[in-house]
Amino acid sequence: MSQLFKPWPPERRCQFCGKPITGKSTKKFCNTGCKDSFHNAEKARKNSNTYSYETVMRQNEKHLKVLSANAYYQQNGISEGPLLGQGVNLSVCVNEEVHLKTGGVIYWYGCYGVELPTKVGGNYMLHQRDESKVPNFKLGGGNYV
């Protein structure tokens, strides 16, 4: 019988902190601080993929710059173990293109690229291009990645 008598209107709670809300029936937050915090958290959640993508791209470029300084790797390429061990993430890239001479696919990370092996067990070849030839990809208003 107690379920038949519910308080009306139902108690409204803040979408951010859960405190009871008083005032207008359209209010969703108990104060402007909770409203701002809620919307900032939503914005950060939506943009989290963009920020992590930019971070991966910058890290890849940094690691490939170090590897490209090694003359042996420049000449002979690098096997998958050391490449991934250095922290290069091949799952994302700024752009990809086909190498005209070898037919291999190159993943570009800013000025540095990794050409995928054309045969099983082959080495990844490292490429570098002039910064002026890098496509101007600006994610989040930062420098090219």
Protein backbone atom coordinates (compact mmCIF):
# COMPACT_ATOMS: atom_id res chain seq x y z
CA MET A 1 0.00 0.00 0.00
CA SER A 2 2.94 2.35 0.63
CA GLN A 3 3.89 2.05 -3.05
CA LEU A 4 0.64 3.71 -4.08
CA PHE A 5 1.53 6.92 -2.27
CA LYS A 6 4.70 8.31 -3.84
CA PRO A 7 5.70 11.91 -3.24
CA TRP A 8 4.74 14.17 -6.11
CA PRO A 9 6.58 15.59 -7.91
CA PRO A 10 9.38 13.03 -7.68
CA GLU A 11 12.53 14.30 -6.03
CA ARG A 12 14.94 15.67 -8.61
CA ARG A 13 18.68 15.16 -8.16
CA CYS A 14 21.70 16.97 -9.61
CA GLN A 15 23.12 15.13 -12.64
CA PHE A 16 26.66 15.76 -11.40
CA CYS A 17 26.76 15.39 -7.62
CA GLY A 18 23.38 13.74 -6.87
CA LYS A 19 22.18 16.34 -4.33
CA PRO A 20 18.46 17.22 -4.28
CA ILE A 21 17.46 20.12 -6.56
CA THR A 22 15.08 22.85 -5.52
CA GLY A 23 13.58 25.57 -7.69
CA LYS A 24 12.48 25.44 -11.32
CA SER A 25 11.25 22.08 -12.60
CA THR A 26 13.61 22.28 -15.60
CA LYS A 27 16.81 22.53 -13.54
CA LYS A 28 19.21 19.62 -13.96
CA PHE A 29 22.01 20.78 -11.64
CA CYS A 30 22.04 22.09 -8.09
CA ASN A 31 24.38 25.00 -8.90
CA THR A 32 26.50 26.48 -11.70
CA GLY A 33 29.65 24.75 -10.38
CA CYS A 34 28.07 21.32 -10.87
CA LYS A 35 26.73 22.36 -14.27
CA ASP A 36 30.18 23.54 -15.42
CA SER A 37 31.90 20.45 -14.01
CA PHE A 38 29.41 18.15 -15.74
CA HIS A 39 29.86 19.80 -19.14
CA ASN A 40 33.67 19.93 -18.78
CA ALA A 41 33.73 16.22 -17.97
CA GLU A 42 31.54 15.47 -21.02
CA LYS A 43 33.80 17.55 -23.26
CA ALA A 44 36.93 15.82 -21.93
CA ARG A 45 35.33 12.40 -22.47
CA LYS A 46 34.42 13.24 -26.07
CA ASN A 47 37.89 14.65 -26.82
CA SER A 48 39.87 11.92 -25.06
CA ASN A 49 40.34 9.97 -28.31
CA THR A 50 41.70 13.05 -30.09
CA TYR A 51 44.22 13.79 -27.36
CA SER A 52 45.44 10.20 -27.17
CA TYR A 53 45.74 10.10 -30.98
CA GLU A 54 47.90 13.23 -30.97
CA THR A 55 50.06 11.81 -28.19
CA VAL A 56 50.63 8.54 -30.08
CA MET A 57 51.53 10.45 -33.24
CA ARG A 58 54.08 12.66 -31.45
CA GLN A 59 55.59 9.67 -29.66
CA ASN A 60 55.88 7.73 -32.93
CA GLU A 61 57.62 10.64 -34.62
CA LYS A 62 60.01 11.03 -31.68
CA HIS A 63 60.90 7.31 -31.66
CA LEU A 64 61.35 7.16 -35.44
CA LYS A 65 63.63 10.19 -35.31
CA VAL A 66 65.90 8.32 -32.87
CA LEU A 67 65.83 5.13 -34.95
CA SER A 68 66.48 7.04 -38.19
CA ALA A 69 69.69 8.46 -36.71
CA ASN A 70 71.09 4.89 -36.70
CA ALA A 71 72.97 4.35 -40.00
CA TYR A 72 72.53 0.57 -39.83
CA TYR A 73 68.74 0.85 -39.61
CA GLN A 74 68.72 3.42 -42.43
CA GLN A 75 70.61 1.05 -44.71
CA ASN A 76 69.19 -2.37 -43.76
CA GLY A 77 65.87 -1.59 -42.14
CA ILE A 78 64.69 -2.70 -38.73
CA SER A 79 62.93 -5.86 -37.62
CA GLU A 80 59.56 -5.74 -35.89
CA GLY A 81 60.90 -6.52 -32.39
CA PRO A 82 63.16 -3.49 -31.96
CA LEU A 83 60.65 -1.25 -33.73
CA LEU A 84 57.80 -2.12 -31.38
CA GLY A 85 60.19 -2.36 -28.44
CA GLN A 86 61.19 1.24 -29.00
CA GLY A 87 57.52 2.17 -28.53
CA VAL A 88 56.35 2.75 -32.11
CA ASN A 89 52.61 2.16 -32.49
CA LEU A 90 51.79 1.15 -36.06
CA SER A 91 48.02 1.19 -35.55
CA VAL A 92 47.73 4.93 -36.37
CA CYS A 93 49.47 7.24 -38.83
CA VAL A 94 49.05 10.70 -40.33
CA ASN A 95 48.83 9.32 -43.86
CA GLU A 96 49.98 6.38 -45.89
CA GLU A 97 51.28 6.11 -49.41
CA VAL A 98 52.70 3.48 -51.73
CA HIS A 99 56.45 3.62 -52.39
CA LEU A 100 56.83 3.99 -56.16
CA LYS A 101 59.98 1.84 -56.45
CA THR A 102 59.25 -1.01 -54.06
CA GLY A 103 55.44 -1.00 -54.02
CA GLY A 104 55.48 -1.15 -50.21
CA VAL A 105 53.11 0.87 -48.06
CA ILE A 106 54.68 3.69 -46.03
CA TYR A 107 53.00 4.94 -42.86
CA TRP A 108 53.99 8.56 -42.24
CA TYR A 109 54.33 10.20 -38.83
CA GLY A 110 55.26 13.79 -39.61
CA CYS A 111 58.72 13.78 -41.25
CA TYR A 112 59.36 10.10 -40.55
CA GLY A 113 57.86 7.06 -42.18
CA VAL A 114 57.92 3.28 -41.82
CA GLU A 115 57.64 1.13 -44.92
CA LEU A 116 55.94 -2.16 -44.17
CA PRO A 117 57.82 -5.30 -45.23
CA THR A 118 56.83 -6.61 -48.66
CA LYS A 119 57.69 -10.21 -47.69
CA VAL A 120 57.05 -12.23 -44.54
CA GLY A 121 59.92 -11.87 -42.09
CA GLY A 122 61.32 -8.82 -43.92
CA ASN A 123 62.54 -5.64 -42.28
CA TYR A 124 60.65 -2.39 -41.93
CA MET A 125 62.42 0.35 -43.88
CA LEU A 126 62.72 3.81 -42.35
CA HIS A 127 62.07 6.91 -44.46
CA GLN A 128 62.55 10.58 -43.83
CA ARG A 129 61.30 13.56 -45.81
CA ASP A 130 61.83 17.29 -45.75
CA GLU A 131 59.55 19.09 -43.29
CA SER A 132 58.31 21.37 -46.08
CA LYS A 133 56.80 18.29 -47.80
CA VAL A 134 54.86 17.17 -44.74
CA PRO A 135 51.08 17.56 -45.14
CA ASN A 136 49.81 20.24 -42.80
CA PHE A 137 47.66 18.16 -40.45
CA LYS A 138 46.71 20.18 -37.40
CA LEU A 139 44.83 18.30 -34.72
CA GLY A 140 43.63 20.26 -31.76
CA GLY A 141 45.41 23.43 -32.92
CA GLY A 142 48.89 22.06 -32.23
CA ASN A 143 51.83 21.60 -34.54
CA TYR A 144 51.75 18.96 -37.22
CA VAL A 145 51.93 15.49 -35.81
